[in-house]
Amino acid sequence: MACKSICKLCDKLIISNSVSVAGDGNIIVNIPAGSYLNCEKYCLVIAQAIPATATINAPVFISIGTGGTAYELVTKDGVQVVASQLRSRTKYSTNVVTTPSGGVFKLIGDLCCKPTTLTAINGS
C-alpha cells in the first residue's frame, strides 16, 4: 500500500503556542483560542522548551488564547503537575473536566516521576 503524500492531523491535536514562567513562578502553557468541551479527549503537544528559569516544583497551568484564566494541569489522580514532570516536544493525552466555576485539564496516562531529592556528585 502506498503512503499518502498528504495526511490530515486529528482535530483534537493541540500544539502549544508558548510556555512561560509567570510572575508567581507558575508554568503557563498557552494553547490556541477555542472551546474545549467537557469530557472530551485532546492530545496536548508541548512544542516549546520548558524555560530554564522554571523551578522543579513549579505548578503547571494551561491558558487558552488571550484569556486571563489559567486552568490546572493535573494527573489522572487529580494531583497538580509540576515542571519537573513535563517534557518539551512531547504529546500528553488529556481530558477536559469542567465545573460550574472553572475546570482542569486532566492527564489520561502516567507521567515521569517527580524527583524527591536532588543530589550532586562531589568529585573532590
PDB file of N, CA and C in Angstrom:
ATOM      1  N   MET A   1       0.838  -1.174   0.000  1.00  0.00           N
ATOM      2  CA  MET A   1       0.000   0.000   0.000  1.00  0.00           C
ATOM      3  C   MET A   1       0.882   1.237   0.000  1.00  0.00           C
ATOM      4  N   ALA A   2       0.603   2.171  -0.858  1.00  0.00           N
ATOM      5  CA  ALA A   2       1.400   3.391  -0.970  1.00  0.00           C
ATOM      6  C   ALA A   2       1.085   4.350   0.166  1.00  0.00           C
ATOM      7  N   CYS A   3       2.107   5.061   0.584  1.00  0.00           N
ATOM      8  CA  CYS A   3       1.944   6.056   1.640  1.00  0.00           C
ATOM      9  C   CYS A   3       1.287   7.298   1.058  1.00  0.00           C
ATOM     10  N   LYS A   4       0.332   7.874   1.784  1.00  0.00           N
ATOM     11  CA  LYS A   4      -0.300   9.110   1.337  1.00  0.00           C
ATOM     12  C   LYS A   4       0.701  10.252   1.447  1.00  0.00           C
ATOM     13  N   SER A   5       0.732  11.101   0.447  1.00  0.00           N
ATOM     14  CA  SER A   5       1.663  12.229   0.486  1.00  0.00           C
ATOM     15  C   SER A   5       1.105  13.395   1.298  1.00  0.00           C
ATOM     16  N   ILE A   6      -0.188  13.390   1.554  1.00  0.00           N
ATOM     17  CA  ILE A   6      -0.822  14.426   2.372  1.00  0.00           C
ATOM     18  C   ILE A   6      -1.708  13.731   3.398  1.00  0.00           C
ATOM     19  N   CYS A   7      -1.491  14.055   4.671  1.00  0.00           N
ATOM     20  CA  CYS A   7      -2.285  13.467   5.740  1.00  0.00           C
ATOM     21  C   CYS A   7      -2.883  14.578   6.589  1.00  0.00           C
ATOM     22  N   LYS A   8      -4.087  14.384   7.046  1.00  0.00           N
ATOM     23  CA  LYS A   8      -4.754  15.358   7.894  1.00  0.00           C
ATOM     24  C   LYS A   8      -4.471  15.024   9.356  1.00  0.00           C
ATOM     25  N   LEU A   9      -4.129  16.045  10.122  1.00  0.00           N
ATOM     26  CA  LEU A   9      -3.938  15.853  11.561  1.00  0.00           C
ATOM     27  C   LEU A   9      -5.288  15.786  12.246  1.00  0.00           C
ATOM     28  N   CYS A  10      -5.353  15.099  13.347  1.00  0.00           N
ATOM     29  CA  CYS A  10      -6.574  14.989  14.138  1.00  0.00           C
ATOM     30  C   CYS A  10      -7.000  16.371  14.616  1.00  0.00           C
ATOM     31  N   ASP A  11      -8.300  16.657  14.594  1.00  0.00           N
ATOM     32  CA  ASP A  11      -8.777  17.961  15.045  1.00  0.00           C
ATOM     33  C   ASP A  11      -8.743  18.108  16.565  1.00  0.00           C
ATOM     34  N   LYS A  12      -8.378  17.061  17.269  1.00  0.00           N
ATOM     35  CA  LYS A  12      -8.239  17.104  18.732  1.00  0.00           C
ATOM     36  C   LYS A  12      -6.781  17.302  19.159  1.00  0.00           C
ATOM     37  N   LEU A  13      -5.886  17.489  18.181  1.00  0.00           N
ATOM     38  CA  LEU A  13      -4.478  17.734  18.466  1.00  0.00           C
ATOM     39  C   LEU A  13      -4.289  19.218  18.767  1.00  0.00           C
ATOM     40  N   ILE A  14      -3.708  19.528  19.922  1.00  0.00           N
ATOM     41  CA  ILE A  14      -3.469  20.905  20.343  1.00  0.00           C
ATOM     42  C   ILE A  14      -1.966  21.093  20.464  1.00  0.00           C
ATOM     43  N   ILE A  15      -1.418  22.040  19.731  1.00  0.00           N
ATOM     44  CA  ILE A  15       0.006  22.346  19.817  1.00  0.00           C
ATOM     45  C   ILE A  15       0.146  23.670  20.550  1.00  0.00           C
ATOM     46  N   SER A  16       0.928  23.676  21.608  1.00  0.00           N
ATOM     47  CA  SER A  16       1.056  24.872  22.444  1.00  0.00           C
ATOM     48  C   SER A  16       1.614  26.049  21.660  1.00  0.00           C
ATOM     49  N   ASN A  17       1.131  27.248  22.026  1.00  0.00           N
ATOM     50  CA  ASN A  17       1.643  28.492  21.441  1.00  0.00           C
ATOM     51  C   ASN A  17       2.917  28.942  22.134  1.00  0.00           C
ATOM     52  N   SER A  18       2.965  28.729  23.457  1.00  0.00           N
ATOM     53  CA  SER A  18       4.119  29.177  24.246  1.00  0.00           C
ATOM     54  C   SER A  18       4.134  28.470  25.588  1.00  0.00           C
ATOM     55  N   VAL A  19       5.305  28.484  26.204  1.00  0.00           N
ATOM     56  CA  VAL A  19       5.477  28.008  27.580  1.00  0.00           C
ATOM     57  C   VAL A  19       6.268  29.087  28.293  1.00  0.00           C
ATOM     58  N   SER A  20       5.742  29.568  29.416  1.00  0.00           N
ATOM     59  CA  SER A  20       6.406  30.662  30.119  1.00  0.00           C
ATOM     60  C   SER A  20       6.301  30.475  31.626  1.00  0.00           C
ATOM     61  N   VAL A  21       7.119  31.251  32.327  1.00  0.00           N
ATOM     62  CA  VAL A  21       7.059  31.288  33.788  1.00  0.00           C
ATOM     63  C   VAL A  21       6.347  32.579  34.168  1.00  0.00           C
ATOM     64  N   ALA A  22       5.266  32.453  34.924  1.00  0.00           N
ATOM     65  CA  ALA A  22       4.505  33.623  35.372  1.00  0.00           C
ATOM     66  C   ALA A  22       5.231  34.298  36.529  1.00  0.00           C
ATOM     67  N   GLY A  23       4.779  35.503  36.871  1.00  0.00           N
ATOM     68  CA  GLY A  23       5.386  36.259  37.961  1.00  0.00           C
ATOM     69  C   GLY A  23       5.376  35.529  39.289  1.00  0.00           C
ATOM     70  N   ASP A  24       4.385  34.659  39.493  1.00  0.00           N
ATOM     71  CA  ASP A  24       4.299  33.906  40.749  1.00  0.00           C
ATOM     72  C   ASP A  24       5.077  32.592  40.698  1.00  0.00           C
ATOM     73  N   GLY A  25       5.796  32.346  39.590  1.00  0.00           N
ATOM     74  CA  GLY A  25       6.619  31.149  39.467  1.00  0.00           C
ATOM     75  C   GLY A  25       5.927  29.980  38.799  1.00  0.00           C
ATOM     76  N   ASN A  26       4.618  30.084  38.530  1.00  0.00           N
ATOM     77  CA  ASN A  26       3.894  29.004  37.873  1.00  0.00           C
ATOM     78  C   ASN A  26       4.300  28.894  36.406  1.00  0.00           C
ATOM     79  N   ILE A  27       4.213  27.686  35.868  1.00  0.00           N
ATOM     80  CA  ILE A  27       4.446  27.449  34.451  1.00  0.00           C
ATOM     81  C   ILE A  27       3.110  27.609  33.740  1.00  0.00           C
ATOM     82  N   ILE A  28       3.090  28.419  32.693  1.00  0.00           N
ATOM     83  CA  ILE A  28       1.876  28.627  31.915  1.00  0.00           C
ATOM     84  C   ILE A  28       2.107  28.101  30.505  1.00  0.00           C
ATOM     85  N   VAL A  29       1.328  27.110  30.125  1.00  0.00           N
ATOM     86  CA  VAL A  29       1.352  26.569  28.773  1.00  0.00           C
ATOM     87  C   VAL A  29       0.152  27.186  28.059  1.00  0.00           C
ATOM     88  N   ASN A  30       0.419  28.008  27.058  1.00  0.00           N
ATOM     89  CA  ASN A  30      -0.657  28.666  26.331  1.00  0.00           C
ATOM     90  C   ASN A  30      -1.028  27.848  25.109  1.00  0.00           C
ATOM     91  N   ILE A  31      -2.341  27.612  24.927  1.00  0.00           N
ATOM     92  CA  ILE A  31      -2.834  26.852  23.788  1.00  0.00           C
ATOM     93  C   ILE A  31      -3.740  27.748  22.939  1.00  0.00           C
ATOM     94  N   PRO A  32      -3.993  27.363  21.693  1.00  0.00           N
ATOM     95  CA  PRO A  32      -4.813  28.209  20.815  1.00  0.00           C
ATOM     96  C   PRO A  32      -6.211  28.473  21.376  1.00  0.00           C
ATOM     97  N   ALA A  33      -6.743  29.646  21.041  1.00  0.00           N
ATOM     98  CA  ALA A  33      -8.097  30.008  21.451  1.00  0.00           C
ATOM     99  C   ALA A  33      -9.086  29.002  20.879  1.00  0.00           C
ATOM    100  N   GLY A  34     -10.142  28.768  21.617  1.00  0.00           N
ATOM    101  CA  GLY A  34     -11.180  27.840  21.171  1.00  0.00           C
ATOM    102  C   GLY A  34     -11.978  27.338  22.349  1.00  0.00           C
ATOM    103  N   SER A  35     -12.965  26.537  22.054  1.00  0.00           N
ATOM    104  CA  SER A  35     -13.787  25.918  23.091  1.00  0.00           C
ATOM    105  C   SER A  35     -13.324  24.485  23.287  1.00  0.00           C
ATOM    106  N   TYR A  36     -12.982  24.161  24.494  1.00  0.00           N
ATOM    107  CA  TYR A  36     -12.533  22.819  24.831  1.00  0.00           C
ATOM    108  C   TYR A  36     -13.633  22.188  25.679  1.00  0.00           C
ATOM    109  N   LEU A  37     -14.283  21.175  25.134  1.00  0.00           N
ATOM    110  CA  LEU A  37     -15.513  20.632  25.700  1.00  0.00           C
ATOM    111  C   LEU A  37     -15.281  19.677  26.864  1.00  0.00           C
ATOM    112  N   ASN A  38     -16.205  19.708  27.822  1.00  0.00           N
ATOM    113  CA  ASN A  38     -16.187  18.808  28.972  1.00  0.00           C
ATOM    114  C   ASN A  38     -16.182  17.354  28.503  1.00  0.00           C
ATOM    115  N   CYS A  39     -15.373  16.539  29.140  1.00  0.00           N
ATOM    116  CA  CYS A  39     -15.266  15.094  28.894  1.00  0.00           C
ATOM    117  C   CYS A  39     -14.680  14.745  27.529  1.00  0.00           C
ATOM    118  N   GLU A  40     -14.147  15.720  26.807  1.00  0.00           N
ATOM    119  CA  GLU A  40     -13.520  15.454  25.513  1.00  0.00           C
ATOM    120  C   GLU A  40     -12.037  15.178  25.709  1.00  0.00           C
ATOM    121  N   LYS A  41     -11.519  14.278  24.877  1.00  0.00           N
ATOM    122  CA  LYS A  41     -10.095  13.971  24.896  1.00  0.00           C
ATOM    123  C   LYS A  41      -9.382  14.878  23.904  1.00  0.00           C
ATOM    124  N   TYR A  42      -8.259  15.455  24.342  1.00  0.00           N
ATOM    125  CA  TYR A  42      -7.409  16.268  23.495  1.00  0.00           C
ATOM    126  C   TYR A  42      -5.972  15.809  23.696  1.00  0.00           C
ATOM    127  N   CYS A  43      -5.201  15.814  22.623  1.00  0.00           N
ATOM    128  CA  CYS A  43      -3.784  15.492  22.712  1.00  0.00           C
ATOM    129  C   CYS A  43      -3.011  16.804  22.701  1.00  0.00           C
ATOM    130  N   LEU A  44      -2.385  17.115  23.814  1.00  0.00           N
ATOM    131  CA  LEU A  44      -1.655  18.362  24.001  1.00  0.00           C
ATOM    132  C   LEU A  44      -0.174  18.123  23.730  1.00  0.00           C
ATOM    133  N   VAL A  45       0.379  18.881  22.775  1.00  0.00           N
ATOM    134  CA  VAL A  45       1.808  18.799  22.484  1.00  0.00           C
ATOM    135  C   VAL A  45       2.472  20.037  23.067  1.00  0.00           C
ATOM    136  N   ILE A  46       3.432  19.824  23.965  1.00  0.00           N
ATOM    137  CA  ILE A  46       4.240  20.922  24.498  1.00  0.00           C
ATOM    138  C   ILE A  46       5.352  21.133  23.480  1.00  0.00           C
ATOM    139  N   ALA A  47       5.169  22.114  22.601  1.00  0.00           N
ATOM    140  CA  ALA A  47       6.078  22.295  21.470  1.00  0.00           C
ATOM    141  C   ALA A  47       7.337  23.077  21.826  1.00  0.00           C
ATOM    142  N   GLN A  48       7.270  23.924  22.847  1.00  0.00           N
ATOM    143  CA  GLN A  48       8.401  24.773  23.201  1.00  0.00           C
ATOM    144  C   GLN A  48       9.176  24.168  24.376  1.00  0.00           C
ATOM    145  N   ALA A  49      10.386  24.660  24.539  1.00  0.00           N
ATOM    146  CA  ALA A  49      11.214  24.221  25.667  1.00  0.00           C
ATOM    147  C   ALA A  49      10.645  24.764  26.971  1.00  0.00           C
ATOM    148  N   ILE A  50      10.817  24.002  28.037  1.00  0.00           N
ATOM    149  CA  ILE A  50      10.449  24.476  29.369  1.00  0.00           C
ATOM    150  C   ILE A  50      11.484  25.542  29.731  1.00  0.00           C
ATOM    151  N   PRO A  51      11.070  26.732  30.148  1.00  0.00           N
ATOM    152  CA  PRO A  51      12.044  27.795  30.434  1.00  0.00           C
ATOM    153  C   PRO A  51      13.072  27.374  31.482  1.00  0.00           C
ATOM    154  N   ALA A  52      14.308  27.782  31.263  1.00  0.00           N
ATOM    155  CA  ALA A  52      15.397  27.455  32.185  1.00  0.00           C
ATOM    156  C   ALA A  52      15.181  28.082  33.554  1.00  0.00           C
ATOM    157  N   THR A  53      14.370  29.125  33.622  1.00  0.00           N
ATOM    158  CA  THR A  53      14.110  29.798  34.904  1.00  0.00           C
ATOM    159  C   THR A  53      13.044  29.089  35.735  1.00  0.00           C
ATOM    160  N   ALA A  54      12.448  28.031  35.188  1.00  0.00           N
ATOM    161  CA  ALA A  54      11.416  27.293  35.923  1.00  0.00           C
ATOM    162  C   ALA A  54      12.039  26.524  37.079  1.00  0.00           C
ATOM    163  N   THR A  55      11.364  26.524  38.204  1.00  0.00           N
ATOM    164  CA  THR A  55      11.809  25.708  39.332  1.00  0.00           C
ATOM    165  C   THR A  55      11.185  24.318  39.225  1.00  0.00           C
ATOM    166  N   ILE A  56      11.811  23.349  39.859  1.00  0.00           N
ATOM    167  CA  ILE A  56      11.390  21.953  39.752  1.00  0.00           C
ATOM    168  C   ILE A  56       9.942  21.752  40.176  1.00  0.00           C
ATOM    169  N   ASN A  57       9.526  22.392  41.263  1.00  0.00           N
ATOM    170  CA  ASN A  57       8.188  22.177  41.801  1.00  0.00           C
ATOM    171  C   ASN A  57       7.176  23.234  41.370  1.00  0.00           C
ATOM    172  N   ALA A  58       7.460  23.970  40.296  1.00  0.00           N
ATOM    173  CA  ALA A  58       6.527  24.988  39.811  1.00  0.00           C
ATOM    174  C   ALA A  58       5.266  24.317  39.267  1.00  0.00           C
ATOM    175  N   PRO A  59       4.086  24.687  39.770  1.00  0.00           N
ATOM    176  CA  PRO A  59       2.838  24.119  39.254  1.00  0.00           C
ATOM    177  C   PRO A  59       2.612  24.508  37.798  1.00  0.00           C
ATOM    178  N   VAL A  60       1.973  23.612  37.047  1.00  0.00           N
ATOM    179  CA  VAL A  60       1.731  23.832  35.621  1.00  0.00           C
ATOM    180  C   VAL A  60       0.253  24.147  35.390  1.00  0.00           C
ATOM    181  N   PHE A  61       0.011  25.206  34.600  1.00  0.00           N
ATOM    182  CA  PHE A  61      -1.338  25.627  34.259  1.00  0.00           C
ATOM    183  C   PHE A  61      -1.446  25.773  32.748  1.00  0.00           C
ATOM    184  N   ILE A  62      -2.681  25.681  32.250  1.00  0.00           N
ATOM    185  CA  ILE A  62      -2.974  25.846  30.835  1.00  0.00           C
ATOM    186  C   ILE A  62      -3.781  27.130  30.672  1.00  0.00           C
ATOM    187  N   SER A  63      -3.342  28.017  29.774  1.00  0.00           N
ATOM    188  CA  SER A  63      -4.140  29.194  29.430  1.00  0.00           C
ATOM    189  C   SER A  63      -4.601  29.044  27.987  1.00  0.00           C
ATOM    190  N   ILE A  64      -5.757  29.625  27.684  1.00  0.00           N
ATOM    191  CA  ILE A  64      -6.362  29.471  26.364  1.00  0.00           C
ATOM    192  C   ILE A  64      -6.389  30.821  25.659  1.00  0.00           C
ATOM    193  N   GLY A  65      -5.700  30.891  24.532  1.00  0.00           N
ATOM    194  CA  GLY A  65      -5.680  32.127  23.740  1.00  0.00           C
ATOM    195  C   GLY A  65      -5.191  33.308  24.556  1.00  0.00           C
ATOM    196  N   THR A  66      -5.898  34.430  24.429  1.00  0.00           N
ATOM    197  CA  THR A  66      -5.517  35.641  25.159  1.00  0.00           C
ATOM    198  C   THR A  66      -6.287  35.783  26.467  1.00  0.00           C
ATOM    199  N   GLY A  67      -7.062  34.771  26.819  1.00  0.00           N
ATOM    200  CA  GLY A  67      -7.832  34.811  28.067  1.00  0.00           C
ATOM    201  C   GLY A  67      -6.920  34.825  29.277  1.00  0.00           C
ATOM    202  N   GLY A  68      -7.368  35.435  30.335  1.00  0.00           N
ATOM    203  CA  GLY A  68      -6.553  35.561  31.538  1.00  0.00           C
ATOM    204  C   GLY A  68      -6.677  34.399  32.505  1.00  0.00           C
ATOM    205  N   THR A  69      -7.588  33.473  32.238  1.00  0.00           N
ATOM    206  CA  THR A  69      -7.808  32.352  33.152  1.00  0.00           C
ATOM    207  C   THR A  69      -6.793  31.249  32.894  1.00  0.00           C
ATOM    208  N   ALA A  70      -6.251  30.696  33.968  1.00  0.00           N
ATOM    209  CA  ALA A  70      -5.327  29.569  33.869  1.00  0.00           C
ATOM    210  C   ALA A  70      -5.972  28.351  34.522  1.00  0.00           C
ATOM    211  N   TYR A  71      -5.946  27.242  33.830  1.00  0.00           N
ATOM    212  CA  TYR A  71      -6.559  26.007  34.308  1.00  0.00           C
ATOM    213  C   TYR A  71      -5.463  25.031  34.721  1.00  0.00           C
ATOM    214  N   GLU A  72      -5.661  24.367  35.845  1.00  0.00           N
ATOM    215  CA  GLU A  72      -4.664  23.416  36.326  1.00  0.00           C
ATOM    216  C   GLU A  72      -4.480  22.268  35.344  1.00  0.00           C
ATOM    217  N   LEU A  73      -3.259  21.789  35.241  1.00  0.00           N
ATOM    218  CA  LEU A  73      -2.959  20.531  34.571  1.00  0.00           C
ATOM    219  C   LEU A  73      -2.722  19.534  35.695  1.00  0.00           C
ATOM    220  N   VAL A  74      -3.550  18.497  35.757  1.00  0.00           N
ATOM    221  CA  VAL A  74      -3.471  17.535  36.849  1.00  0.00           C
ATOM    222  C   VAL A  74      -3.260  16.127  36.315  1.00  0.00           C
ATOM    223  N   THR A  75      -2.735  15.260  37.171  1.00  0.00           N
ATOM    224  CA  THR A  75      -2.544  13.858  36.808  1.00  0.00           C
ATOM    225  C   THR A  75      -3.893  13.160  36.795  1.00  0.00           C
ATOM    226  N   LYS A  76      -3.892  11.919  36.352  1.00  0.00           N
ATOM    227  CA  LYS A  76      -5.143  11.159  36.320  1.00  0.00           C
ATOM    228  C   LYS A  76      -5.722  10.968  37.718  1.00  0.00           C
ATOM    229  N   ASP A  77      -4.875  11.115  38.756  1.00  0.00           N
ATOM    230  CA  ASP A  77      -5.321  11.005  40.144  1.00  0.00           C
ATOM    231  C   ASP A  77      -5.716  12.355  40.733  1.00  0.00           C
ATOM    232  N   GLY A  78      -5.640  13.413  39.936  1.00  0.00           N
ATOM    233  CA  GLY A  78      -6.047  14.736  40.394  1.00  0.00           C
ATOM    234  C   GLY A  78      -4.964  15.540  41.085  1.00  0.00           C
ATOM    235  N   VAL A  79      -3.706  15.097  41.020  1.00  0.00           N
ATOM    236  CA  VAL A  79      -2.589  15.801  41.649  1.00  0.00           C
ATOM    237  C   VAL A  79      -2.013  16.816  40.662  1.00  0.00           C
ATOM    238  N   GLN A  80      -1.710  18.007  41.147  1.00  0.00           N
ATOM    239  CA  GLN A  80      -1.152  19.076  40.302  1.00  0.00           C
ATOM    240  C   GLN A  80       0.149  18.620  39.642  1.00  0.00           C
ATOM    241  N   VAL A  81       0.269  18.819  38.336  1.00  0.00           N
ATOM    242  CA  VAL A  81       1.504  18.524  37.607  1.00  0.00           C
ATOM    243  C   VAL A  81       2.487  19.649  37.877  1.00  0.00           C
ATOM    244  N   VAL A  82       3.776  19.304  38.044  1.00  0.00           N
ATOM    245  CA  VAL A  82       4.818  20.300  38.280  1.00  0.00           C
ATOM    246  C   VAL A  82       5.837  20.253  37.142  1.00  0.00           C
ATOM    247  N   ALA A  83       6.632  21.305  37.049  1.00  0.00           N
ATOM    248  CA  ALA A  83       7.562  21.495  35.931  1.00  0.00           C
ATOM    249  C   ALA A  83       8.482  20.303  35.688  1.00  0.00           C
ATOM    250  N   SER A  84       8.969  19.676  36.732  1.00  0.00           N
ATOM    251  CA  SER A  84       9.916  18.573  36.554  1.00  0.00           C
ATOM    252  C   SER A  84       9.283  17.356  35.884  1.00  0.00           C
ATOM    253  N   GLN A  85       7.964  17.320  35.802  1.00  0.00           N
ATOM    254  CA  GLN A  85       7.285  16.189  35.182  1.00  0.00           C
ATOM    255  C   GLN A  85       7.014  16.415  33.695  1.00  0.00           C
ATOM    256  N   LEU A  86       7.179  17.631  33.219  1.00  0.00           N
ATOM    257  CA  LEU A  86       6.920  17.948  31.817  1.00  0.00           C
ATOM    258  C   LEU A  86       8.156  17.748  30.961  1.00  0.00           C
ATOM    259  N   ARG A  87       7.929  17.404  29.719  1.00  0.00           N
ATOM    260  CA  ARG A  87       8.994  17.308  28.730  1.00  0.00           C
ATOM    261  C   ARG A  87       8.541  18.080  27.496  1.00  0.00           C
ATOM    262  N   SER A  88       9.430  18.843  26.906  1.00  0.00           N
ATOM    263  CA  SER A  88       9.075  19.546  25.679  1.00  0.00           C
ATOM    264  C   SER A  88       9.066  18.553  24.526  1.00  0.00           C
ATOM    265  N   ARG A  89       8.377  18.946  23.442  1.00  0.00           N
ATOM    266  CA  ARG A  89       8.235  18.110  22.251  1.00  0.00           C
ATOM    267  C   ARG A  89       7.629  16.752  22.595  1.00  0.00           C
ATOM    268  N   THR A  90       6.670  16.772  23.519  1.00  0.00           N
ATOM    269  CA  THR A  90       6.022  15.551  23.980  1.00  0.00           C
ATOM    270  C   THR A  90       4.511  15.720  23.903  1.00  0.00           C
ATOM    271  N   LYS A  91       3.813  14.637  23.562  1.00  0.00           N
ATOM    272  CA  LYS A  91       2.354  14.658  23.476  1.00  0.00           C
ATOM    273  C   LYS A  91       1.761  14.080  24.759  1.00  0.00           C
ATOM    274  N   TYR A  92       0.810  14.787  25.326  1.00  0.00           N
ATOM    275  CA  TYR A  92       0.108  14.357  26.537  1.00  0.00           C
ATOM    276  C   TYR A  92      -1.373  14.222  26.224  1.00  0.00           C
ATOM    277  N   SER A  93      -1.937  13.054  26.466  1.00  0.00           N
ATOM    278  CA  SER A  93      -3.371  12.850  26.280  1.00  0.00           C
ATOM    279  C   SER A  93      -4.097  13.376  27.514  1.00  0.00           C
ATOM    280  N   THR A  94      -5.085  14.242  27.282  1.00  0.00           N
ATOM    281  CA  THR A  94      -5.814  14.864  28.380  1.00  0.00           C
ATOM    282  C   THR A  94      -7.316  14.781  28.154  1.00  0.00           C
ATOM    283  N   ASN A  95      -8.044  14.886  29.244  1.00  0.00           N
ATOM    284  CA  ASN A  95      -9.484  15.085  29.216  1.00  0.00           C
ATOM    285  C   ASN A  95      -9.748  16.435  29.845  1.00  0.00           C
ATOM    286  N   VAL A  96     -10.720  17.144  29.314  1.00  0.00           N
ATOM    287  CA  VAL A  96     -11.147  18.394  29.937  1.00  0.00           C
ATOM    288  C   VAL A  96     -12.254  18.050  30.918  1.00  0.00           C
ATOM    289  N   VAL A  97     -12.123  18.576  32.131  1.00  0.00           N
ATOM    290  CA  VAL A  97     -13.140  18.373  33.163  1.00  0.00           C
ATOM    291  C   VAL A  97     -13.594  19.751  33.614  1.00  0.00           C
ATOM    292  N   THR A  98     -14.861  20.080  33.340  1.00  0.00           N
ATOM    293  CA  THR A  98     -15.369  21.397  33.708  1.00  0.00           C
ATOM    294  C   THR A  98     -16.208  21.324  34.972  1.00  0.00           C
ATOM    295  N   THR A  99     -16.253  22.456  35.674  1.00  0.00           N
ATOM    296  CA  THR A  99     -17.085  22.623  36.863  1.00  0.00           C
ATOM    297  C   THR A  99     -17.851  23.934  36.686  1.00  0.00           C
ATOM    298  N   PRO A 100     -18.835  24.195  37.537  1.00  0.00           N
ATOM    299  CA  PRO A 100     -19.554  25.473  37.407  1.00  0.00           C
ATOM    300  C   PRO A 100     -18.645  26.697  37.543  1.00  0.00           C
ATOM    301  N   SER A 101     -17.523  26.548  38.231  1.00  0.00           N
ATOM    302  CA  SER A 101     -16.645  27.696  38.455  1.00  0.00           C
ATOM    303  C   SER A 101     -15.337  27.647  37.665  1.00  0.00           C
ATOM    304  N   GLY A 102     -15.132  26.655  36.817  1.00  0.00           N
ATOM    305  CA  GLY A 102     -13.873  26.566  36.077  1.00  0.00           C
ATOM    306  C   GLY A 102     -13.683  25.200  35.460  1.00  0.00           C
ATOM    307  N   GLY A 103     -12.479  24.669  35.616  1.00  0.00           N
ATOM    308  CA  GLY A 103     -12.187  23.361  35.063  1.00  0.00           C
ATOM    309  C   GLY A 103     -10.707  23.036  35.162  1.00  0.00           C
ATOM    310  N   VAL A 104     -10.367  21.837  34.718  1.00  0.00           N
ATOM    311  CA  VAL A 104      -8.977  21.383  34.698  1.00  0.00           C
ATOM    312  C   VAL A 104      -8.732  20.590  33.426  1.00  0.00           C
ATOM    313  N   PHE A 105      -7.459  20.475  33.071  1.00  0.00           N
ATOM    314  CA  PHE A 105      -7.030  19.540  32.046  1.00  0.00           C
ATOM    315  C   PHE A 105      -6.435  18.362  32.801  1.00  0.00           C
ATOM    316  N   LYS A 106      -7.041  17.191  32.638  1.00  0.00           N
ATOM    317  CA  LYS A 106      -6.641  16.008  33.396  1.00  0.00           C
ATOM    318  C   LYS A 106      -5.945  15.016  32.476  1.00  0.00           C
ATOM    319  N   LEU A 107      -4.722  14.640  32.838  1.00  0.00           N
ATOM    320  CA  LEU A 107      -3.960  13.680  32.042  1.00  0.00           C
ATOM    321  C   LEU A 107      -4.618  12.305  32.092  1.00  0.00           C
ATOM    322  N   ILE A 108      -4.546  11.610  30.986  1.00  0.00           N
ATOM    323  CA  ILE A 108      -5.113  10.261  30.920  1.00  0.00           C
ATOM    324  C   ILE A 108      -4.074   9.224  31.339  1.00  0.00           C
ATOM    325  N   GLY A 109      -2.836   9.416  30.934  1.00  0.00           N
ATOM    326  CA  GLY A 109      -1.775   8.456  31.227  1.00  0.00           C
ATOM    327  C   GLY A 109      -0.881   8.896  32.367  1.00  0.00           C
ATOM    328  N   ASP A 110       0.196   8.136  32.563  1.00  0.00           N
ATOM    329  CA  ASP A 110       1.156   8.422  33.621  1.00  0.00           C
ATOM    330  C   ASP A 110       2.230   9.389  33.124  1.00  0.00           C
ATOM    331  N   LEU A 111       2.873  10.047  34.079  1.00  0.00           N
ATOM    332  CA  LEU A 111       3.966  10.980  33.802  1.00  0.00           C
ATOM    333  C   LEU A 111       5.282  10.412  34.295  1.00  0.00           C
ATOM    334  N   CYS A 112       6.356  11.116  33.951  1.00  0.00           N
ATOM    335  CA  CYS A 112       7.662  10.793  34.525  1.00  0.00           C
ATOM    336  C   CYS A 112       7.588  11.044  36.025  1.00  0.00           C
ATOM    337  N   CYS A 113       8.372  10.333  36.770  1.00  0.00           N
ATOM    338  CA  CYS A 113       8.385  10.523  38.217  1.00  0.00           C
ATOM    339  C   CYS A 113       8.982  11.870  38.580  1.00  0.00           C
ATOM    340  N   LYS A 114       8.412  12.502  39.570  1.00  0.00           N
ATOM    341  CA  LYS A 114       8.942  13.758  40.091  1.00  0.00           C
ATOM    342  C   LYS A 114      10.090  13.433  41.034  1.00  0.00           C
ATOM    343  N   PRO A 115      11.239  14.069  40.884  1.00  0.00           N
ATOM    344  CA  PRO A 115      12.336  13.775  41.805  1.00  0.00           C
ATOM    345  C   PRO A 115      11.975  14.200  43.222  1.00  0.00           C
ATOM    346  N   THR A 116      12.339  13.350  44.179  1.00  0.00           N
ATOM    347  CA  THR A 116      12.048  13.672  45.567  1.00  0.00           C
ATOM    348  C   THR A 116      13.264  14.313  46.238  1.00  0.00           C
ATOM    349  N   THR A 117      14.451  14.005  45.735  1.00  0.00           N
ATOM    350  CA  THR A 117      15.657  14.633  46.272  1.00  0.00           C
ATOM    351  C   THR A 117      16.592  14.946  45.109  1.00  0.00           C
ATOM    352  N   LEU A 118      17.333  15.984  45.267  1.00  0.00           N
ATOM    353  CA  LEU A 118      18.341  16.333  44.271  1.00  0.00           C
ATOM    354  C   LEU A 118      19.705  16.199  44.937  1.00  0.00           C
ATOM    355  N   THR A 119      20.608  15.545  44.275  1.00  0.00           N
ATOM    356  CA  THR A 119      21.951  15.366  44.824  1.00  0.00           C
ATOM    357  C   THR A 119      22.968  15.750  43.766  1.00  0.00           C
ATOM    358  N   ALA A 120      24.148  16.006  44.201  1.00  0.00           N
ATOM    359  CA  ALA A 120      25.247  16.334  43.304  1.00  0.00           C
ATOM    360  C   ALA A 120      26.395  15.385  43.560  1.00  0.00           C
ATOM    361  N   ILE A 121      27.224  15.207  42.557  1.00  0.00           N
ATOM    362  CA  ILE A 121      28.416  14.382  42.713  1.00  0.00           C
ATOM    363  C   ILE A 121      29.550  15.312  43.081  1.00  0.00           C
ATOM    364  N   ASN A 122      30.212  14.991  44.163  1.00  0.00           N
ATOM    365  CA  ASN A 122      31.353  15.778  44.610  1.00  0.00           C
ATOM    366  C   ASN A 122      32.605  15.033  44.172  1.00  0.00           C
ATOM    367  N   GLY A 123      33.292  15.592  43.195  1.00  0.00           N
ATOM    368  CA  GLY A 123      34.445  14.913  42.632  1.00  0.00           C
ATOM    369  C   GLY A 123      35.749  15.143  43.393  1.00  0.00           C
ATOM    370  N   SER A 124      35.700  15.816  44.538  1.00  0.00           N
ATOM    371  CA  SER A 124      36.963  16.070  45.238  1.00  0.00           C
ATOM    372  C   SER A 124      37.259  15.010  46.258  1.00  0.00           C
TER     373      SER A 124
END
